[in-house]
Amino acid sequence: MFFKQTPQILENIEVQDKNIIDTINCKRSIELANRIIRGKGRLLVRKSGTEPKIRIMAESNYNRLNKKCINIIKKTIR
């Protein structure tokens, strides 16, 4: 069995309210980032279960694409 490593970036953004990812603006930015990375990688955005943080993970063979998608979402959260 062959395992191919894929570059991954995980960012933890400290927030006052973890429910910020439920706002319309944040949902739109997540949708945009998902459209950009679709077919080339994957994106995961979730609330931390233990800390006041939002965790954003992007995974693809293109580090620039990973950073771009994370930054789109970060702008809405901050």
PDB file of N, CA and C in Angstrom:
ATOM      1  N   MET A   1       0.840  -1.178   0.000  1.00  0.00           N
ATOM      2  CA  MET A   1       0.000   0.000   0.000  1.00  0.00           C
ATOM      3  C   MET A   1       0.888   1.245   0.000  1.00  0.00           C
ATOM      4  N   PHE A   2       0.495   2.227  -0.776  1.00  0.00           N
ATOM      5  CA  PHE A   2       1.296   3.434  -0.950  1.00  0.00           C
ATOM      6  C   PHE A   2       0.601   4.625  -0.305  1.00  0.00           C
ATOM      7  N   PHE A   3       1.341   5.393   0.463  1.00  0.00           N
ATOM      8  CA  PHE A   3       0.801   6.580   1.122  1.00  0.00           C
ATOM      9  C   PHE A   3       1.494   7.809   0.546  1.00  0.00           C
ATOM     10  N   LYS A   4       0.705   8.726   0.000  1.00  0.00           N
ATOM     11  CA  LYS A   4       1.260   9.948  -0.551  1.00  0.00           C
ATOM     12  C   LYS A   4       0.956  11.107   0.394  1.00  0.00           C
ATOM     13  N   GLN A   5       1.997  11.763   0.872  1.00  0.00           N
ATOM     14  CA  GLN A   5       1.802  12.900   1.761  1.00  0.00           C
ATOM     15  C   GLN A   5       1.270  14.088   0.978  1.00  0.00           C
ATOM     16  N   THR A   6       0.366  14.825   1.607  1.00  0.00           N
ATOM     17  CA  THR A   6      -0.197  16.029   1.010  1.00  0.00           C
ATOM     18  C   THR A   6       0.062  17.189   1.955  1.00  0.00           C
ATOM     19  N   PRO A   7       0.596  18.305   1.444  1.00  0.00           N
ATOM     20  CA  PRO A   7       0.820  19.464   2.310  1.00  0.00           C
ATOM     21  C   PRO A   7      -0.471  19.917   2.979  1.00  0.00           C
ATOM     22  N   GLN A   8      -0.356  20.229   4.247  1.00  0.00           N
ATOM     23  CA  GLN A   8      -1.515  20.630   5.038  1.00  0.00           C
ATOM     24  C   GLN A   8      -1.140  21.822   5.907  1.00  0.00           C
ATOM     25  N   ILE A   9      -2.064  22.763   6.024  1.00  0.00           N
ATOM     26  CA  ILE A   9      -1.865  23.898   6.911  1.00  0.00           C
ATOM     27  C   ILE A   9      -3.041  23.927   7.882  1.00  0.00           C
ATOM     28  N   LEU A  10      -2.736  24.048   9.167  1.00  0.00           N
ATOM     29  CA  LEU A  10      -3.766  24.163  10.195  1.00  0.00           C
ATOM     30  C   LEU A  10      -3.551  25.475  10.929  1.00  0.00           C
ATOM     31  N   GLU A  11      -4.587  26.303  10.964  1.00  0.00           N
ATOM     32  CA  GLU A  11      -4.521  27.572  11.695  1.00  0.00           C
ATOM     33  C   GLU A  11      -5.583  27.554  12.777  1.00  0.00           C
ATOM     34  N   ASN A  12      -5.207  27.991  13.964  1.00  0.00           N
ATOM     35  CA  ASN A  12      -6.126  28.121  15.084  1.00  0.00           C
ATOM     36  C   ASN A  12      -6.297  29.606  15.366  1.00  0.00           C
ATOM     37  N   ILE A  13      -7.507  30.109  15.183  1.00  0.00           N
ATOM     38  CA  ILE A  13      -7.765  31.531  15.363  1.00  0.00           C
ATOM     39  C   ILE A  13      -8.547  31.736  16.655  1.00  0.00           C
ATOM     40  N   GLU A  14      -7.968  32.513  17.560  1.00  0.00           N
ATOM     41  CA  GLU A  14      -8.640  32.796  18.819  1.00  0.00           C
ATOM     42  C   GLU A  14      -9.785  33.775  18.579  1.00  0.00           C
ATOM     43  N   VAL A  15     -10.947  33.477  19.158  1.00  0.00           N
ATOM     44  CA  VAL A  15     -12.144  34.296  18.962  1.00  0.00           C
ATOM     45  C   VAL A  15     -12.850  34.541  20.287  1.00  0.00           C
ATOM     46  N   GLN A  16     -13.664  35.591  20.311  1.00  0.00           N
ATOM     47  CA  GLN A  16     -14.500  35.868  21.476  1.00  0.00           C
ATOM     48  C   GLN A  16     -15.681  34.901  21.507  1.00  0.00           C
ATOM     49  N   ASP A  17     -16.263  34.664  20.315  1.00  0.00           N
ATOM     50  CA  ASP A  17     -17.462  33.842  20.195  1.00  0.00           C
ATOM     51  C   ASP A  17     -17.279  32.836  19.063  1.00  0.00           C
ATOM     52  N   LYS A  18     -17.257  31.566  19.412  1.00  0.00           N
ATOM     53  CA  LYS A  18     -17.040  30.520  18.406  1.00  0.00           C
ATOM     54  C   LYS A  18     -18.176  30.443  17.385  1.00  0.00           C
ATOM     55  N   ASN A  19     -19.334  30.998  17.718  1.00  0.00           N
ATOM     56  CA  ASN A  19     -20.475  30.964  16.805  1.00  0.00           C
ATOM     57  C   ASN A  19     -20.315  31.916  15.622  1.00  0.00           C
ATOM     58  N   ILE A  20     -19.194  32.620  15.562  1.00  0.00           N
ATOM     59  CA  ILE A  20     -18.951  33.520  14.435  1.00  0.00           C
ATOM     60  C   ILE A  20     -18.966  32.754  13.114  1.00  0.00           C
ATOM     61  N   ILE A  21     -18.623  31.473  13.139  1.00  0.00           N
ATOM     62  CA  ILE A  21     -18.622  30.726  11.882  1.00  0.00           C
ATOM     63  C   ILE A  21     -20.037  30.422  11.391  1.00  0.00           C
ATOM     64  N   ASP A  22     -21.037  30.726  12.187  1.00  0.00           N
ATOM     65  CA  ASP A  22     -22.431  30.528  11.780  1.00  0.00           C
ATOM     66  C   ASP A  22     -23.029  31.776  11.130  1.00  0.00           C
ATOM     67  N   THR A  23     -22.260  32.866  11.071  1.00  0.00           N
ATOM     68  CA  THR A  23     -22.781  34.098  10.465  1.00  0.00           C
ATOM     69  C   THR A  23     -22.790  33.968   8.941  1.00  0.00           C
ATOM     70  N   ILE A  24     -23.630  34.753   8.311  1.00  0.00           N
ATOM     71  CA  ILE A  24     -23.756  34.698   6.848  1.00  0.00           C
ATOM     72  C   ILE A  24     -22.435  35.029   6.163  1.00  0.00           C
ATOM     73  N   ASN A  25     -21.757  36.091   6.621  1.00  0.00           N
ATOM     74  CA  ASN A  25     -20.482  36.475   5.993  1.00  0.00           C
ATOM     75  C   ASN A  25     -19.443  35.365   6.086  1.00  0.00           C
ATOM     76  N   CYS A  26     -19.374  34.727   7.230  1.00  0.00           N
ATOM     77  CA  CYS A  26     -18.395  33.653   7.403  1.00  0.00           C
ATOM     78  C   CYS A  26     -18.774  32.448   6.545  1.00  0.00           C
ATOM     79  N   LYS A  27     -20.053  32.119   6.497  1.00  0.00           N
ATOM     80  CA  LYS A  27     -20.491  30.992   5.661  1.00  0.00           C
ATOM     81  C   LYS A  27     -20.173  31.250   4.191  1.00  0.00           C
ATOM     82  N   ARG A  28     -20.347  32.487   3.758  1.00  0.00           N
ATOM     83  CA  ARG A  28     -20.024  32.833   2.367  1.00  0.00           C
ATOM     84  C   ARG A  28     -18.543  32.679   2.074  1.00  0.00           C
ATOM     85  N   SER A  29     -17.700  33.113   3.017  1.00  0.00           N
ATOM     86  CA  SER A  29     -16.257  32.993   2.791  1.00  0.00           C
ATOM     87  C   SER A  29     -15.826  31.526   2.777  1.00  0.00           C
ATOM     88  N   ILE A  30     -16.458  30.700   3.599  1.00  0.00           N
ATOM     89  CA  ILE A  30     -16.152  29.266   3.608  1.00  0.00           C
ATOM     90  C   ILE A  30     -16.580  28.639   2.280  1.00  0.00           C
ATOM     91  N   GLU A  31     -17.758  29.021   1.783  1.00  0.00           N
ATOM     92  CA  GLU A  31     -18.230  28.516   0.490  1.00  0.00           C
ATOM     93  C   GLU A  31     -17.274  28.919  -0.642  1.00  0.00           C
ATOM     94  N   LEU A  32     -16.824  30.174  -0.625  1.00  0.00           N
ATOM     95  CA  LEU A  32     -15.888  30.653  -1.641  1.00  0.00           C
ATOM     96  C   LEU A  32     -14.591  29.852  -1.597  1.00  0.00           C
ATOM     97  N   ALA A  33     -14.024  29.686  -0.417  1.00  0.00           N
ATOM     98  CA  ALA A  33     -12.776  28.931  -0.268  1.00  0.00           C
ATOM     99  C   ALA A  33     -12.967  27.484  -0.725  1.00  0.00           C
ATOM    100  N   ASN A  34     -14.117  26.896  -0.411  1.00  0.00           N
ATOM    101  CA  ASN A  34     -14.399  25.524  -0.852  1.00  0.00           C
ATOM    102  C   ASN A  34     -14.477  25.428  -2.371  1.00  0.00           C
ATOM    103  N   ARG A  35     -15.078  26.435  -3.022  1.00  0.00           N
ATOM    104  CA  ARG A  35     -15.151  26.433  -4.491  1.00  0.00           C
ATOM    105  C   ARG A  35     -13.753  26.529  -5.097  1.00  0.00           C
ATOM    106  N   ILE A  36     -12.891  27.321  -4.482  1.00  0.00           N
ATOM    107  CA  ILE A  36     -11.536  27.508  -4.997  1.00  0.00           C
ATOM    108  C   ILE A  36     -10.710  26.223  -4.883  1.00  0.00           C
ATOM    109  N   ILE A  37     -10.844  25.518  -3.778  1.00  0.00           N
ATOM    110  CA  ILE A  37     -10.003  24.336  -3.539  1.00  0.00           C
ATOM    111  C   ILE A  37     -10.629  23.046  -4.096  1.00  0.00           C
ATOM    112  N   ARG A  38     -11.908  23.091  -4.452  1.00  0.00           N
ATOM    113  CA  ARG A  38     -12.628  21.893  -4.928  1.00  0.00           C
ATOM    114  C   ARG A  38     -11.889  21.215  -6.078  1.00  0.00           C
ATOM    115  N   GLY A  39     -11.742  19.917  -5.965  1.00  0.00           N
ATOM    116  CA  GLY A  39     -11.075  19.132  -6.995  1.00  0.00           C
ATOM    117  C   GLY A  39      -9.568  19.087  -6.854  1.00  0.00           C
ATOM    118  N   LYS A  40      -9.019  19.951  -6.005  1.00  0.00           N
ATOM    119  CA  LYS A  40      -7.562  20.004  -5.822  1.00  0.00           C
ATOM    120  C   LYS A  40      -7.154  19.646  -4.398  1.00  0.00           C
ATOM    121  N   GLY A  41      -8.119  19.693  -3.480  1.00  0.00           N
ATOM    122  CA  GLY A  41      -7.804  19.441  -2.082  1.00  0.00           C
ATOM    123  C   GLY A  41      -9.061  19.482  -1.245  1.00  0.00           C
ATOM    124  N   ARG A  42      -8.877  19.732   0.048  1.00  0.00           N
ATOM    125  CA  ARG A  42     -10.031  19.809   0.932  1.00  0.00           C
ATOM    126  C   ARG A  42      -9.818  20.866   1.991  1.00  0.00           C
ATOM    127  N   LEU A  43     -10.940  21.266   2.579  1.00  0.00           N
ATOM    128  CA  LEU A  43     -10.951  22.334   3.564  1.00  0.00           C
ATOM    129  C   LEU A  43     -11.832  21.906   4.722  1.00  0.00           C
ATOM    130  N   LEU A  44     -11.392  22.174   5.947  1.00  0.00           N
ATOM    131  CA  LEU A  44     -12.181  21.863   7.132  1.00  0.00           C
ATOM    132  C   LEU A  44     -12.160  23.082   8.044  1.00  0.00           C
ATOM    133  N   VAL A  45     -13.350  23.540   8.426  1.00  0.00           N
ATOM    134  CA  VAL A  45     -13.483  24.672   9.351  1.00  0.00           C
ATOM    135  C   VAL A  45     -14.382  24.205  10.475  1.00  0.00           C
ATOM    136  N   ARG A  46     -13.892  24.338  11.719  1.00  0.00           N
ATOM    137  CA  ARG A  46     -14.696  23.882  12.846  1.00  0.00           C
ATOM    138  C   ARG A  46     -14.392  24.674  14.106  1.00  0.00           C
ATOM    139  N   LYS A  47     -15.323  24.599  15.033  1.00  0.00           N
ATOM    140  CA  LYS A  47     -15.135  25.205  16.346  1.00  0.00           C
ATOM    141  C   LYS A  47     -14.303  24.241  17.187  1.00  0.00           C
ATOM    142  N   SER A  48     -13.409  24.794  17.998  1.00  0.00           N
ATOM    143  CA  SER A  48     -12.679  23.960  18.941  1.00  0.00           C
ATOM    144  C   SER A  48     -13.660  23.501  20.008  1.00  0.00           C
ATOM    145  N   GLY A  49     -13.492  22.290  20.458  1.00  0.00           N
ATOM    146  CA  GLY A  49     -14.364  21.787  21.516  1.00  0.00           C
ATOM    147  C   GLY A  49     -13.925  22.213  22.896  1.00  0.00           C
ATOM    148  N   THR A  50     -12.681  22.647  23.042  1.00  0.00           N
ATOM    149  CA  THR A  50     -12.147  22.923  24.373  1.00  0.00           C
ATOM    150  C   THR A  50     -11.629  24.348  24.573  1.00  0.00           C
ATOM    151  N   GLU A  51     -11.436  25.083  23.475  1.00  0.00           N
ATOM    152  CA  GLU A  51     -10.861  26.425  23.572  1.00  0.00           C
ATOM    153  C   GLU A  51     -11.697  27.414  22.776  1.00  0.00           C
ATOM    154  N   PRO A  52     -11.556  28.714  23.060  1.00  0.00           N
ATOM    155  CA  PRO A  52     -12.282  29.720  22.269  1.00  0.00           C
ATOM    156  C   PRO A  52     -11.561  29.981  20.942  1.00  0.00           C
ATOM    157  N   LYS A  53     -11.548  28.971  20.078  1.00  0.00           N
ATOM    158  CA  LYS A  53     -10.817  29.051  18.819  1.00  0.00           C
ATOM    159  C   LYS A  53     -11.627  28.435  17.691  1.00  0.00           C
ATOM    160  N   ILE A  54     -11.332  28.925  16.486  1.00  0.00           N
ATOM    161  CA  ILE A  54     -11.833  28.333  15.259  1.00  0.00           C
ATOM    162  C   ILE A  54     -10.633  27.674  14.594  1.00  0.00           C
ATOM    163  N   ARG A  55     -10.791  26.446  14.186  1.00  0.00           N
ATOM    164  CA  ARG A  55      -9.701  25.706  13.548  1.00  0.00           C
ATOM    165  C   ARG A  55      -9.992  25.608  12.047  1.00  0.00           C
ATOM    166  N   ILE A  56      -9.008  26.031  11.251  1.00  0.00           N
ATOM    167  CA  ILE A  56      -9.135  25.979   9.795  1.00  0.00           C
ATOM    168  C   ILE A  56      -7.991  25.126   9.259  1.00  0.00           C
ATOM    169  N   MET A  57      -8.359  24.084   8.508  1.00  0.00           N
ATOM    170  CA  MET A  57      -7.359  23.201   7.916  1.00  0.00           C
ATOM    171  C   MET A  57      -7.577  23.170   6.406  1.00  0.00           C
ATOM    172  N   ALA A  58      -6.506  23.391   5.662  1.00  0.00           N
ATOM    173  CA  ALA A  58      -6.541  23.286   4.205  1.00  0.00           C
ATOM    174  C   ALA A  58      -5.478  22.272   3.800  1.00  0.00           C
ATOM    175  N   GLU A  59      -5.842  21.426   2.837  1.00  0.00           N
ATOM    176  CA  GLU A  59      -4.944  20.359   2.413  1.00  0.00           C
ATOM    177  C   GLU A  59      -5.019  20.233   0.891  1.00  0.00           C
ATOM    178  N   SER A  60      -3.898  20.419   0.240  1.00  0.00           N
ATOM    179  CA  SER A  60      -3.777  20.217  -1.208  1.00  0.00           C
ATOM    180  C   SER A  60      -2.292  20.125  -1.553  1.00  0.00           C
ATOM    181  N   ASN A  61      -2.003  19.835  -2.791  1.00  0.00           N
ATOM    182  CA  ASN A  61      -0.604  19.762  -3.223  1.00  0.00           C
ATOM    183  C   ASN A  61      -0.001  21.141  -3.445  1.00  0.00           C
ATOM    184  N   TYR A  62      -0.788  22.180  -3.253  1.00  0.00           N
ATOM    185  CA  TYR A  62      -0.346  23.548  -3.542  1.00  0.00           C
ATOM    186  C   TYR A  62      -0.419  24.398  -2.274  1.00  0.00           C
ATOM    187  N   ASN A  63       0.738  24.680  -1.690  1.00  0.00           N
ATOM    188  CA  ASN A  63       0.772  25.464  -0.453  1.00  0.00           C
ATOM    189  C   ASN A  63       0.169  26.855  -0.629  1.00  0.00           C
ATOM    190  N   ARG A  64       0.373  27.466  -1.796  1.00  0.00           N
ATOM    191  CA  ARG A  64      -0.199  28.792  -2.049  1.00  0.00           C
ATOM    192  C   ARG A  64      -1.721  28.736  -2.024  1.00  0.00           C
ATOM    193  N   LEU A  65      -2.279  27.673  -2.576  1.00  0.00           N
ATOM    194  CA  LEU A  65      -3.726  27.482  -2.571  1.00  0.00           C
ATOM    195  C   LEU A  65      -4.232  27.289  -1.144  1.00  0.00           C
ATOM    196  N   ASN A  66      -3.517  26.507  -0.352  1.00  0.00           N
ATOM    197  CA  ASN A  66      -3.887  26.301   1.051  1.00  0.00           C
ATOM    198  C   ASN A  66      -3.933  27.637   1.794  1.00  0.00           C
ATOM    199  N   LYS A  67      -2.875  28.430   1.646  1.00  0.00           N
ATOM    200  CA  LYS A  67      -2.793  29.721   2.328  1.00  0.00           C
ATOM    201  C   LYS A  67      -3.892  30.673   1.862  1.00  0.00           C
ATOM    202  N   LYS A  68      -4.157  30.684   0.557  1.00  0.00           N
ATOM    203  CA  LYS A  68      -5.179  31.566   0.003  1.00  0.00           C
ATOM    204  C   LYS A  68      -6.553  31.246   0.604  1.00  0.00           C
ATOM    205  N   CYS A  69      -6.906  29.980   0.654  1.00  0.00           N
ATOM    206  CA  CYS A  69      -8.204  29.581   1.184  1.00  0.00           C
ATOM    207  C   CYS A  69      -8.330  29.896   2.675  1.00  0.00           C
ATOM    208  N   ILE A  70      -7.279  29.654   3.425  1.00  0.00           N
ATOM    209  CA  ILE A  70      -7.300  29.968   4.860  1.00  0.00           C
ATOM    210  C   ILE A  70      -7.441  31.468   5.069  1.00  0.00           C
ATOM    211  N   ASN A  71      -6.715  32.274   4.293  1.00  0.00           N
ATOM    212  CA  ASN A  71      -6.778  33.728   4.454  1.00  0.00           C
ATOM    213  C   ASN A  71      -8.153  34.295   4.122  1.00  0.00           C
ATOM    214  N   ILE A  72      -8.850  33.704   3.153  1.00  0.00           N
ATOM    215  CA  ILE A  72     -10.191  34.162   2.812  1.00  0.00           C
ATOM    216  C   ILE A  72     -11.104  34.027   4.036  1.00  0.00           C
ATOM    217  N   ILE A  73     -10.986  32.917   4.725  1.00  0.00           N
ATOM    218  CA  ILE A  73     -11.838  32.671   5.891  1.00  0.00           C
ATOM    219  C   ILE A  73     -11.379  33.499   7.086  1.00  0.00           C
ATOM    220  N   LYS A  74     -10.079  33.603   7.295  1.00  0.00           N
ATOM    221  CA  LYS A  74      -9.533  34.375   8.417  1.00  0.00           C
ATOM    222  C   LYS A  74     -10.002  35.828   8.393  1.00  0.00           C
ATOM    223  N   LYS A  75     -10.074  36.423   7.208  1.00  0.00           N
ATOM    224  CA  LYS A  75     -10.491  37.823   7.098  1.00  0.00           C
ATOM    225  C   LYS A  75     -11.893  38.018   7.653  1.00  0.00           C
ATOM    226  N   THR A  76     -12.752  37.042   7.481  1.00  0.00           N
ATOM    227  CA  THR A  76     -14.132  37.156   7.955  1.00  0.00           C
ATOM    228  C   THR A  76     -14.221  36.934   9.464  1.00  0.00           C
ATOM    229  N   ILE A  77     -13.349  36.095   9.994  1.00  0.00           N
ATOM    230  CA  ILE A  77     -13.373  35.766  11.419  1.00  0.00           C
ATOM    231  C   ILE A  77     -12.791  36.891  12.256  1.00  0.00           C
ATOM    232  N   ARG A  78     -11.775  37.539  11.763  1.00  0.00           N
ATOM    233  CA  ARG A  78     -11.097  38.582  12.559  1.00  0.00           C
ATOM    234  C   ARG A  78     -11.781  39.885  12.541  1.00  0.00           C
TER     235      ARG A  78
END
